[in-house]
Protein backbone atom coordinates (compact mmCIF):
# COMPACT_ATOMS: atom_id res chain seq x y z
CA UNK A 1 0.00 0.00 0.00
CA UNK A 2 1.37 3.41 -1.05
CA UNK A 3 0.19 6.38 1.02
CA UNK A 4 -0.95 9.74 -0.36
CA UNK A 5 1.82 12.33 -0.30
CA UNK A 6 0.18 14.55 2.36
CA UNK A 7 -0.61 11.59 4.60
CA UNK A 8 2.86 10.08 4.45
CA UNK A 9 4.54 13.48 4.87
CA UNK A 10 2.57 14.27 8.04
CA UNK A 11 3.22 10.80 9.41
CA UNK A 12 6.97 11.08 8.80
CA UNK A 13 7.12 14.48 10.51
CA UNK A 14 5.07 13.23 13.48
CA UNK A 15 7.27 10.16 13.96
CA UNK A 16 10.40 12.32 13.85
CA UNK A 17 9.05 14.74 16.48
CA UNK A 18 8.07 11.86 18.74
CA UNK A 19 11.47 10.25 18.54
CA UNK A 20 13.24 13.57 19.11
CA UNK A 21 11.36 14.00 22.39
CA UNK A 22 13.02 10.83 23.69
CA UNK A 23 16.46 11.95 22.58
CA UNK A 24 18.53 13.31 25.46
CA UNK A 25 21.33 15.72 24.62
CA UNK A 26 23.71 17.20 27.22
CA UNK A 27 25.44 20.43 26.19
CA UNK A 28 28.82 19.48 27.68
CA UNK A 29 28.87 16.02 26.10
CA UNK A 30 27.61 17.44 22.82
CA UNK A 31 30.55 19.85 22.79
CA UNK A 32 32.94 16.93 23.32
CA UNK A 33 31.25 15.04 20.48
CA UNK A 34 31.70 18.09 18.23
CA UNK A 35 35.43 18.08 19.04
CA UNK A 36 35.61 14.39 18.15
CA UNK A 37 33.95 15.00 14.78
CA UNK A 38 36.30 17.90 14.05
CA UNK A 39 39.26 15.65 14.86
CA UNK A 40 38.03 12.88 12.54
CA UNK A 41 37.35 15.42 9.79
CA UNK A 42 40.85 16.89 10.11
CA UNK A 43 42.64 13.53 10.25
CA UNK A 44 40.76 11.97 7.34
CA UNK A 45 40.77 14.93 4.98
CA UNK A 46 43.03 14.47 1.93
CA UNK A 47 46.53 15.92 1.95
CA UNK A 48 47.95 18.06 -0.91
CA UNK A 49 49.75 14.97 -2.23
CA UNK A 50 46.41 13.13 -2.56
CA UNK A 51 45.19 15.84 -4.92
CA UNK A 52 48.44 15.81 -6.87
CA UNK A 53 48.60 12.06 -7.55
CA UNK A 54 45.00 12.07 -8.77
CA UNK A 55 45.67 14.95 -11.14
CA UNK A 56 48.70 13.04 -12.42
CA UNK A 57 46.56 9.96 -13.05
CA UNK A 58 44.03 12.05 -14.97
CA UNK A 59 46.88 13.41 -17.13
CA UNK A 60 48.15 9.89 -17.83
CA UNK A 61 44.72 8.67 -18.92
CA UNK A 62 44.38 11.65 -21.25
CA UNK A 63 47.73 10.76 -22.82
CA UNK A 64 46.49 7.18 -23.28
CA UNK A 65 43.39 8.60 -25.01
CA UNK A 66 45.62 10.61 -27.35
CA UNK A 67 47.65 7.52 -28.12
CA UNK A 68 44.51 5.54 -28.97
CA UNK A 69 42.67 8.18 -30.99
CA UNK A 70 45.54 10.40 -32.14
CA UNK A 71 45.08 9.64 -35.85
CA UNK A 72 41.28 9.75 -35.88
CA UNK A 73 40.85 13.47 -35.26
CA UNK A 74 38.28 12.83 -32.51
CA UNK A 75 40.36 12.51 -29.37
CA UNK A 76 38.16 12.26 -26.24
CA UNK A 77 38.86 14.05 -22.99
CA UNK A 78 39.11 12.00 -19.79
CA UNK A 79 37.33 14.00 -17.07
CA UNK A 80 37.10 13.39 -13.35
CA UNK A 81 33.84 13.33 -11.41
CA UNK A 82 32.45 11.91 -8.17
CA UNK A 83 33.97 12.41 -4.72
CA UNK A 84 37.19 13.95 -6.07
CA UNK A 85 35.31 16.76 -7.84
CA UNK A 86 32.94 17.22 -4.88
CA UNK A 87 35.99 17.39 -2.58
CA UNK A 88 34.44 14.68 -0.41
CA UNK A 89 37.14 12.06 -0.93
CA UNK A 90 39.88 10.63 1.28
CA UNK A 91 43.24 9.10 0.46
CA UNK A 92 41.76 5.62 -0.14
CA UNK A 93 38.83 6.77 -2.30
CA UNK A 94 38.33 5.55 -5.85
CA UNK A 95 38.87 7.94 -8.74
CA UNK A 96 35.87 8.18 -11.09
CA UNK A 97 36.69 9.06 -14.70
CA UNK A 98 34.56 9.64 -17.78
CA UNK A 99 35.77 9.41 -21.38
CA UNK A 100 33.91 12.25 -23.14
CA UNK A 101 33.96 12.93 -26.89
CA UNK A 102 33.64 16.41 -28.44
CA UNK A 103 30.25 15.96 -30.06
CA UNK A 104 28.06 15.72 -26.95
CA UNK A 105 24.85 16.13 -28.99
CA UNK A 106 25.28 12.67 -30.53
CA UNK A 107 24.13 9.95 -28.16
CA UNK A 108 26.62 7.10 -27.88
CA UNK A 109 25.08 3.64 -27.80
CA UNK A 110 25.72 1.08 -25.08
CA UNK A 111 27.71 -1.05 -27.52
CA UNK A 112 29.84 1.95 -28.55
CA UNK A 113 30.67 2.61 -24.91
CA UNK A 114 31.82 -1.00 -24.51
CA UNK A 115 33.99 -0.72 -27.64
CA UNK A 116 35.60 2.43 -26.23
CA UNK A 117 36.37 0.73 -22.94
CA UNK A 118 37.80 -2.22 -24.86
CA UNK A 119 40.34 0.05 -26.54
CA UNK A 120 41.46 1.41 -23.17
CA UNK A 121 41.57 -2.12 -21.75
CA UNK A 122 44.03 -3.25 -24.45
CA UNK A 123 46.44 -0.49 -23.49
CA UNK A 124 46.07 -1.25 -19.82
CA UNK A 125 46.62 -4.98 -20.37
CA UNK A 126 50.04 -4.06 -21.77
CA UNK A 127 50.85 -1.88 -18.75
CA UNK A 128 49.65 -4.63 -16.45
CA UNK A 129 52.28 -6.92 -17.97
CA UNK A 130 54.99 -4.65 -16.61
CA UNK A 131 53.54 -4.15 -13.14
CA UNK A 132 52.49 -0.52 -13.51
CA UNK A 133 48.78 -1.25 -13.11
CA UNK A 134 46.79 -4.23 -11.86
CA UNK A 135 43.27 -5.59 -11.74
CA UNK A 136 42.22 -4.48 -15.22
CA UNK A 137 38.60 -5.56 -15.10
CA UNK A 138 35.78 -4.62 -17.51
CA UNK A 139 32.21 -4.70 -16.16
CA UNK A 140 29.82 -4.55 -19.10
CA UNK A 141 26.67 -6.13 -17.67
CA UNK A 142 26.01 -3.07 -15.49
CA UNK A 143 23.61 -0.31 -16.53
CA UNK A 144 26.66 1.93 -16.87
CA UNK A 145 29.56 -0.16 -18.25
CA UNK A 146 32.87 0.60 -16.57
CA UNK A 147 36.51 -0.45 -16.69
CA UNK A 148 38.31 -0.88 -13.39
CA UNK A 149 42.07 -0.57 -12.98
CA UNK A 150 44.38 -0.01 -10.01
CA UNK A 151 47.60 2.01 -10.12
CA UNK A 152 50.25 -0.13 -8.41
CA UNK A 153 52.21 2.83 -7.04
CA UNK A 154 49.39 4.69 -5.30
CA UNK A 155 46.90 1.79 -4.94
CA UNK A 156 44.20 4.13 -6.25
CA UNK A 157 41.39 2.30 -7.99
CA UNK A 158 40.10 4.05 -11.11
CA UNK A 159 36.60 3.47 -12.48
CA UNK A 160 36.41 4.51 -16.13
CA UNK A 161 33.06 5.08 -17.83
CA UNK A 162 32.11 6.65 -21.18
CA UNK A 163 30.06 9.83 -21.74
CA UNK A 164 29.01 10.13 -18.11
CA UNK A 165 28.37 13.86 -18.49
CA UNK A 166 25.50 13.75 -16.02
CA UNK A 167 27.88 12.47 -13.34
CA UNK A 168 30.39 15.22 -14.15
CA UNK A 169 27.73 17.94 -14.02
CA UNK A 170 26.13 16.61 -10.82
CA UNK A 171 29.49 16.46 -9.05
CA UNK A 172 30.27 20.08 -9.92
CA UNK A 173 26.84 21.23 -8.71
CA UNK A 174 27.19 19.47 -5.34
CA UNK A 175 30.65 20.98 -4.91
CA UNK A 176 29.22 24.44 -5.51
CA UNK A 177 26.32 23.88 -3.09
CA UNK A 178 28.85 22.86 -0.42
CA UNK A 179 30.16 26.43 -0.59
CA UNK A 180 26.82 27.77 0.70
CA UNK A 181 27.36 26.30 4.17
CA UNK A 182 30.43 24.44 5.41
CA UNK A 183 28.24 22.21 7.57
CA UNK A 184 26.96 20.49 4.41
CA UNK A 185 30.49 19.62 3.30
CA UNK A 186 31.57 18.51 6.77
CA UNK A 187 28.53 16.39 7.57
CA UNK A 188 28.58 14.77 4.11
CA UNK A 189 32.25 13.86 4.54
CA UNK A 190 31.69 12.45 8.04
CA UNK A 191 28.60 10.45 7.05
CA UNK A 192 30.51 8.97 4.12
CA UNK A 193 33.37 8.05 6.48
CA UNK A 194 30.88 6.51 8.92
CA UNK A 195 29.12 4.51 6.18
CA UNK A 196 32.46 3.29 4.83
CA UNK A 197 33.59 2.17 8.28
CA UNK A 198 30.29 0.32 8.77
CA UNK A 199 30.61 -1.43 5.36
CA UNK A 200 27.34 0.07 4.07
CA UNK A 201 28.78 2.40 1.41
CA UNK A 202 28.82 0.29 -1.75
CA UNK A 203 26.18 -0.04 -4.46
CA UNK A 204 28.07 -3.16 -5.54
CA UNK A 205 27.13 -4.74 -2.19
CA UNK A 206 23.55 -3.43 -2.45
CA UNK A 207 24.03 -0.79 0.22
CA UNK A 208 24.10 3.02 0.05
CA UNK A 209 26.22 4.65 -2.65
CA UNK A 210 27.97 7.94 -1.90
CA UNK A 211 25.46 10.07 -3.82
CA UNK A 212 22.52 8.74 -1.79
CA UNK A 213 24.39 9.45 1.47
CA UNK A 214 25.18 13.02 0.37
CA UNK A 215 21.59 13.67 -0.77
CA UNK A 216 20.20 12.37 2.54
CA UNK A 217 22.48 14.85 4.34
CA UNK A 218 21.33 17.67 2.04
CA UNK A 219 17.68 16.72 2.59
CA UNK A 220 18.18 16.80 6.36
CA UNK A 221 19.69 20.29 6.18
CA UNK A 222 16.83 21.46 3.95
CA UNK A 223 14.22 20.26 6.46
CA UNK A 224 15.71 21.78 9.62
CA UNK A 225 13.95 24.70 11.28
CA UNK A 226 15.18 27.15 10.15
CA UNK A 227 16.52 25.45 6.99
CA UNK A 228 20.23 25.44 6.22
CA UNK A 229 20.01 24.70 2.48
CA UNK A 230 17.36 25.87 -0.03
CA UNK A 231 15.32 23.48 -2.20
CA UNK A 232 17.43 22.40 -5.15
CA UNK A 233 14.56 23.43 -7.44
CA UNK A 234 15.34 27.06 -6.55
CA UNK A 235 19.05 26.54 -7.22
CA UNK A 236 18.30 24.94 -10.60
CA UNK A 237 15.68 27.51 -11.58
CA UNK A 238 17.87 29.07 -14.28
CA UNK A 239 19.17 25.74 -15.59
CA UNK A 240 20.88 22.57 -14.43
CA UNK A 241 24.24 23.13 -16.12
CA UNK A 242 27.10 24.11 -13.77
CA UNK A 243 27.50 27.61 -15.24
CA UNK A 244 23.84 28.46 -14.64
CA UNK A 245 23.98 27.04 -11.12
CA UNK A 246 27.09 29.10 -10.31
CA UNK A 247 25.19 32.30 -11.19
CA UNK A 248 22.09 31.19 -9.29
CA UNK A 249 23.97 30.45 -6.05
CA UNK A 250 24.66 34.15 -5.46
CA UNK A 251 21.01 34.49 -4.40
CA UNK A 252 21.51 32.03 -1.54
CA UNK A 253 24.62 33.36 0.19
CA UNK A 254 24.12 33.12 3.98
CA UNK A 255 20.85 31.24 3.40
CA UNK A 256 21.27 29.07 6.51
CA UNK A 257 22.84 31.70 8.72
CA UNK A 258 19.87 31.80 11.12
CA UNK A 259 20.34 28.12 11.97
CA UNK A 260 22.97 27.78 14.70
CA UNK A 261 23.08 23.99 15.00
CA UNK A 262 26.50 22.35 15.20
CA UNK A 263 27.68 19.45 13.04
CA UNK A 264 27.31 17.16 16.07
CA UNK A 265 23.66 18.19 16.57
CA UNK A 266 22.95 17.72 12.87
CA UNK A 267 24.50 14.24 12.85
CA UNK A 268 22.46 13.16 15.89
CA UNK A 269 19.21 14.52 14.47
CA UNK A 270 19.91 12.94 11.06
CA UNK A 271 20.15 9.52 12.69
CA UNK A 272 16.93 10.23 14.58
CA UNK A 273 15.19 11.19 11.33
CA UNK A 274 16.31 8.00 9.57
CA UNK A 275 15.31 5.76 12.48
CA UNK A 276 11.89 7.37 12.80
CA UNK A 277 10.86 6.66 9.19
CA UNK A 278 12.34 3.15 8.83
CA UNK A 279 8.91 1.53 8.30
CA UNK A 280 7.71 4.17 5.84
CA UNK A 281 10.12 3.41 2.99
CA UNK A 282 7.98 0.39 2.10
CA UNK A 283 4.92 2.68 1.97
CA UNK A 284 6.41 4.79 -0.82
CA UNK A 285 8.21 7.46 1.24
CA UNK A 286 10.82 9.32 -0.79
CA UNK A 287 13.31 12.06 0.20
CA UNK A 288 13.30 14.82 -2.44
CA UNK A 289 16.09 17.40 -2.36
CA UNK A 290 14.50 19.01 -5.41
CA UNK A 291 11.37 19.95 -3.42
CA UNK A 292 13.04 19.84 0.02
CA UNK A 293 10.23 17.68 1.38
CA UNK A 294 9.01 14.10 1.74
CA UNK A 295 7.17 12.65 -1.26
CA UNK A 296 5.17 9.52 -1.96
CA UNK A 297 6.77 7.91 -4.99
CA UNK A 298 7.16 4.63 -6.85
CA UNK A 299 9.72 3.64 -9.46
CA UNK A 300 8.30 1.78 -12.46
CA UNK A 301 5.26 1.03 -10.27
CA UNK A 302 7.50 -0.49 -7.61
CA UNK A 303 8.48 0.63 -4.13
CA UNK A 304 12.22 0.62 -3.35
CA UNK A 305 13.85 -0.30 -0.04
CA UNK A 306 15.09 3.30 0.31
CA UNK A 307 14.04 6.12 -2.02
CA UNK A 308 16.21 9.21 -2.55
CA UNK A 309 15.21 11.22 -5.59
CA UNK A 310 17.96 12.28 -8.01
CA UNK A 311 17.79 16.08 -8.20
CA UNK A 312 18.84 16.37 -11.88
CA UNK A 313 16.88 13.36 -13.18
CA UNK A 314 13.84 13.00 -10.96
CA UNK A 315 12.85 9.73 -12.60
CA UNK A 316 15.85 8.05 -10.97
CA UNK A 317 16.28 6.77 -7.41
CA UNK A 318 19.81 7.45 -6.19
CA UNK A 319 19.44 4.60 -3.65
CA UNK A 320 18.01 2.07 -6.11
CA UNK A 321 20.87 -0.39 -5.47
CA UNK A 322 19.85 -1.03 -1.83
CA UNK A 323 18.59 -4.60 -1.37
CA UNK A 324 15.93 -5.97 0.98
CA UNK A 325 18.40 -7.83 3.18
CA UNK A 326 20.91 -5.01 3.05
CA UNK A 327 18.45 -2.33 4.22
CA UNK A 328 18.07 -4.29 7.45
CA UNK A 329 21.83 -4.29 7.88
CA UNK A 330 21.94 -0.54 7.18
CA UNK A 331 19.38 0.09 9.88
CA UNK A 332 21.19 -2.13 12.37
CA UNK A 333 24.23 0.11 11.88
CA UNK A 334 22.14 3.27 12.33
CA UNK A 335 20.48 1.87 15.45
CA UNK A 336 23.78 0.74 16.96
CA UNK A 337 25.43 4.10 16.25
CA UNK A 338 22.50 5.93 17.85
CA UNK A 339 22.77 3.72 20.94
CA UNK A 340 26.47 4.43 21.34
CA UNK A 341 25.91 8.17 20.99
CA UNK A 342 23.12 8.01 23.59
CA UNK A 343 25.40 6.05 25.92
CA UNK A 344 28.09 8.67 25.40
CA UNK A 345 25.64 11.47 26.21
CA UNK A 346 24.76 9.65 29.43
CA UNK A 347 28.43 9.32 30.36
CA UNK A 348 28.47 5.52 29.96
CA UNK A 349 31.13 5.38 27.23
CA UNK A 350 34.05 7.68 26.54
CA UNK A 351 35.51 9.31 23.45
CA UNK A 352 37.94 6.53 22.38
CA UNK A 353 35.19 3.90 22.35
CA UNK A 354 32.73 6.15 20.56
CA UNK A 355 35.35 7.10 17.99
CA UNK A 356 36.16 3.49 17.25
CA UNK A 357 32.55 2.34 17.04
CA UNK A 358 31.59 5.11 14.63
CA UNK A 359 34.66 5.41 12.41
CA UNK A 360 36.59 2.18 12.85
CA UNK A 361 40.15 2.20 11.52
CA UNK A 362 39.95 5.93 10.80
CA UNK A 363 40.20 6.20 14.59
CA UNK A 364 42.48 3.46 16.01
CA UNK A 365 41.03 1.74 19.04
CA UNK A 366 42.75 2.25 22.38
CA UNK A 367 42.62 -0.65 24.77
CA UNK A 368 41.57 0.16 28.25
CA UNK A 369 39.24 2.92 27.06
CA UNK A 370 36.25 1.08 28.44
CA UNK A 371 34.00 -0.75 26.02
CA UNK A 372 31.52 -1.96 28.61
CA UNK A 373 28.43 0.08 29.44
CA UNK A 374 26.95 0.16 32.94
CA UNK A 375 23.19 0.12 33.21
CA UNK A 376 21.35 -0.27 36.50
CA UNK A 377 24.52 -1.56 38.06
CA UNK A 378 24.95 -4.33 35.47
CA UNK A 379 27.61 -4.46 32.78
CA UNK A 380 26.19 -4.97 29.30
CA UNK A 381 27.52 -4.54 25.79
CA UNK A 382 26.05 -3.07 22.66
CA UNK A 383 26.00 -5.15 19.48
CA UNK A 384 29.27 -5.97 17.74
CA UNK A 385 30.26 -3.57 14.94
CA UNK A 386 30.78 -6.19 12.27
CA UNK A 387 27.40 -7.76 11.62
CA UNK A 388 27.66 -8.26 7.89
CA UNK A 389 27.39 -12.04 8.01
CA UNK A 390 26.22 -12.68 11.55
CA UNK A 391 22.57 -13.69 11.54
CA UNK A 392 22.70 -14.49 15.23
CA UNK A 393 22.81 -10.74 15.94
CA UNK A 394 19.58 -9.95 14.12
CA UNK A 395 18.11 -8.51 17.33
CA UNK A 396 20.13 -5.30 17.36
CA UNK A 397 20.64 -3.74 20.75
CA UNK A 398 20.13 -6.94 22.73
CA UNK A 399 22.30 -7.12 25.81
CA UNK A 400 25.04 -9.70 25.86
CA UNK A 401 26.05 -11.76 28.83
CA UNK A 402 27.87 -9.79 31.52
CA UNK A 403 31.04 -11.75 30.93
CA UNK A 404 31.15 -10.97 27.20
CA UNK A 405 32.80 -7.59 26.61
CA UNK A 406 32.95 -5.98 23.19
CA UNK A 407 35.95 -7.57 21.47
CA UNK A 408 38.89 -5.25 20.99
CA UNK A 409 40.23 -7.15 18.00
CA UNK A 410 38.00 -7.66 15.02
CA UNK A 411 38.26 -8.83 11.48
CA UNK A 412 37.62 -6.07 9.04
CA UNK A 413 36.29 -6.13 5.49
CA UNK A 414 38.67 -4.98 2.77
CA UNK A 415 36.31 -2.10 2.18
CA UNK A 416 37.17 -0.53 5.54
CA UNK A 417 39.27 2.59 5.91
CA UNK A 418 42.52 0.71 5.98
CA UNK A 419 41.37 -2.06 3.68
CA UNK A 420 43.40 -3.29 0.76
CA UNK A 421 42.58 -2.70 -2.88
CA UNK A 422 38.93 -3.22 -3.69
CA UNK A 423 37.81 -6.82 -4.10
CA UNK A 424 36.12 -5.93 -7.34
CA UNK A 425 39.49 -5.38 -8.92
CA UNK A 426 40.58 -8.93 -8.29
CA UNK A 427 42.28 -8.60 -4.94
CA UNK A 428 41.22 -10.07 -1.65
CA UNK A 429 43.61 -10.51 1.22
CA UNK A 430 46.56 -10.39 -1.14
CA UNK A 431 45.25 -13.05 -3.51
CA UNK A 432 44.04 -12.50 -7.05
CA UNK A 433 40.49 -13.42 -7.90
CA UNK A 434 39.99 -15.37 -11.11
CA UNK A 435 36.23 -14.95 -11.14
CA UNK A 436 35.02 -14.14 -14.62
CA UNK A 437 38.49 -14.50 -16.12
CA UNK A 438 38.60 -18.26 -16.71
CA UNK A 439 41.68 -18.61 -14.58
CA UNK A 440 43.72 -16.07 -16.51
CA UNK A 441 46.17 -14.44 -14.14
CA UNK A 442 49.78 -13.60 -13.52
CA UNK A 443 50.99 -13.93 -9.97
CA UNK A 444 53.37 -11.06 -10.56
CA UNK A 445 50.71 -8.41 -11.18
CA UNK A 446 51.23 -5.67 -8.65
CA UNK A 447 54.02 -7.74 -7.07
CA UNK A 448 56.38 -6.07 -4.64
CA UNK A 449 60.06 -5.72 -5.25
CA UNK A 450 62.54 -8.32 -4.08
CA UNK A 451 63.58 -6.13 -1.16
CA UNK A 452 60.05 -6.23 0.20
CA UNK A 453 59.21 -2.67 -0.77
CA UNK A 454 56.14 -1.66 -2.76
CA UNK A 455 56.22 -1.88 -6.56
CA UNK A 456 57.58 1.13 -8.33
CA UNK A 457 54.98 3.11 -10.23
CA UNK A 458 55.94 6.16 -12.22
CA UNK A 459 52.27 7.20 -12.16
CA UNK A 460 52.74 8.64 -8.69
CA UNK A 461 56.07 10.33 -9.24
CA UNK A 462 55.93 14.09 -9.78
CA UNK A 463 54.74 15.76 -12.96
CA UNK A 464 54.62 14.05 -16.28
CA UNK A 465 56.50 14.61 -19.44
CA UNK A 466 54.52 13.71 -22.52
CA UNK A 467 57.60 13.76 -24.69
CA UNK A 468 57.80 10.70 -26.85
CA UNK A 469 54.12 9.81 -26.70
CA UNK A 470 53.90 9.93 -30.45
CA UNK A 471 56.11 6.87 -30.64
CA UNK A 472 54.07 4.91 -28.13
CA UNK A 473 51.90 3.18 -30.72
CA UNK A 474 54.42 0.48 -31.45
CA UNK A 475 53.47 -3.02 -32.56
CA UNK A 476 53.67 -4.23 -28.99
CA UNK A 477 51.25 -1.66 -27.56
CA UNK A 478 47.91 -3.37 -27.11
CA UNK A 479 47.36 -4.23 -30.80
CA UNK A 480 45.51 -7.40 -31.55
CA UNK A 481 47.10 -10.27 -33.41
CA UNK A 482 44.47 -10.34 -36.08
CA UNK A 483 41.54 -11.99 -34.32
CA UNK A 484 40.57 -9.25 -31.87
CA UNK A 485 42.50 -10.92 -29.06
CA UNK A 486 45.04 -9.06 -26.92
CA UNK A 487 48.57 -9.69 -28.18
CA UNK A 488 50.26 -12.93 -27.19
CA UNK A 489 53.20 -11.53 -25.24
CA UNK A 490 54.62 -14.97 -24.61
CA UNK A 491 55.55 -15.09 -28.31
CA UNK A 492 57.32 -11.74 -28.20
CA UNK A 493 61.00 -11.86 -27.47
CA UNK A 494 62.40 -8.80 -25.77
CA UNK A 495 65.74 -7.78 -24.38
CA UNK A 496 65.37 -6.31 -20.92
CA UNK A 497 67.74 -4.35 -18.81
CA UNK A 498 69.28 -6.32 -15.97
CA UNK A 499 69.01 -3.35 -13.67
CA UNK A 500 66.41 -3.30 -10.92
CA UNK A 501 63.86 -0.52 -11.53
CA UNK A 502 64.46 2.44 -9.31
CA UNK A 503 61.54 4.65 -10.30
CA UNK A 504 61.00 5.68 -13.89
CA UNK A 505 59.24 8.62 -15.48
CA UNK A 506 56.15 8.31 -17.64
CA UNK A 507 58.26 9.07 -20.69
CA UNK A 508 60.45 6.06 -19.95
CA UNK A 509 57.72 3.46 -19.68
CA UNK A 510 55.02 5.01 -21.83
CA UNK A 511 56.71 7.29 -24.32
CA UNK A 512 59.40 5.06 -25.81
CA UNK A 513 58.93 2.27 -28.27
CA UNK A 514 62.39 0.95 -27.44
CA UNK A 515 61.63 -1.92 -25.08
CA UNK A 516 65.07 -1.69 -23.50
CA UNK A 517 63.92 1.40 -21.62
CA UNK A 518 61.01 -0.40 -19.92
CA UNK A 519 61.74 -1.22 -16.30
CA UNK A 520 62.43 -4.85 -15.50
CA UNK A 521 59.67 -6.61 -13.56
CA UNK A 522 59.55 -10.10 -12.16
CA UNK A 523 57.06 -12.31 -13.99
CA UNK A 524 56.46 -15.98 -14.35
CA UNK A 525 55.40 -15.40 -18.00
CA UNK A 526 52.74 -18.08 -17.69
CA UNK A 527 49.77 -16.68 -19.51
CA UNK A 528 46.69 -18.59 -20.47
CA UNK A 529 46.48 -20.14 -23.94
CA UNK A 530 44.78 -18.25 -26.72
CA UNK A 531 41.55 -20.22 -26.32
CA UNK A 532 41.06 -18.77 -22.84
CA UNK A 533 41.67 -15.20 -24.03
CA UNK A 534 39.07 -15.80 -26.76
CA UNK A 535 36.63 -17.12 -24.21
CA UNK A 536 37.27 -14.14 -22.00
CA UNK A 537 36.58 -11.76 -24.81
CA UNK A 538 33.24 -13.27 -25.82
CA UNK A 539 32.13 -13.92 -22.24
CA UNK A 540 33.48 -10.80 -20.52
CA UNK A 541 32.84 -8.15 -23.17
CA UNK A 542 29.63 -9.57 -24.57
CA UNK A 543 27.64 -8.91 -21.42
CA UNK A 544 25.89 -5.89 -22.89
């Protein structure tokens, strides 16, 4: 049953008010919580070097585009978007890239996008051979086909799509709206960090993607009294392109100045809002930043687990990836976080414990900080943080036995703050996944040097010289051997320098056709036979 918009809006507001009445906030403890959030924000914010290495990677991908399309006269531009453009990223964040062609008025078909990614994949397969990149992995079955690759030097995972102009535009708009009130930028960053630490920030795992988290924060700020952000419909009144939005924003300078709430207060009340409407998502409740109010909405006549309207394309649900089982896990995390904050407000837990429970490895746990909570003279514990695959903890908030303290050592998913390279790129606990690749792998991809140090990657070294790129299209650079299959490198005989690589510039390993200048890498040179490459091509690329 889907409720009428006025009915569901009033019910959502009533439930939020009722829950807020039961929420105890102590000024002194709230001030300490604000200091904690400021500390996390400062520690986790990217450093100047994090910006620099990402700009270098963008430059390298543009040089690869020139090498691929240099003779065609239609060289695309590789543009960044997502968290990097919004300035809501951290050092471990992925880098989202879009390959955009000049003629934006011509719509590129799904198959054309796959063909474009295939051309980039052939170049990256060659670089993977020499240990500069790893985990080259095309995903074509998705609604938006992408190519994943990891730079071995920086461990930054890059997600390459084609003609994702909407993503580029949306990222720029959100970045500009962040300038209206710093609380929007801060709370968005902290909520993303919290969701990442709780393992509920991945559309691939059917949880909340970053855009849905950011839009929920924006919606909360729009619905405060007085509001902190205006309805996005007012911001987009003169057009939805970034230039029009930039002019429109001048009308909303100091819009939220009358609201004096701190980031800590806003985070607490956001959790209260989400908990209060948990049962209404299934009734058609939808958060609309465009109208700055609750709506009743279905998507293709269906109700989603969580509905967050996309402000530039209102026919799309930004949280459409959330699954039925996963929404329960999301709400367990919200409930548990709210309980820890309440316990902190009551003086039952201290800062180190709260920091660890909310942000995980972004805030290293300190033993002896007191993980037990006293209630009516009895020692109890709140639910364990990691509940991803623990069905026995389905009753969130249930007290454990007095003798069972919260464990101080836990196993963390690779998607945590200090996790290794994303599993989707073929890495899990140091081992390479062969899923979808028919067993094709090289154990030397991304391998460390013999001295135990990390692999050298010129991608992360300084600024790039593009000298010599015109010679890069040699016979060995990603060209097929006549049947559309990546080149059989095992049949290519090369002379390699006997010197151990000590850090090479982009010009050395990308801009020279002379293979003697390529750095030596350890390989076992055991690549799958041609039949497996052929199978990979028809099975992996044909998923459109």
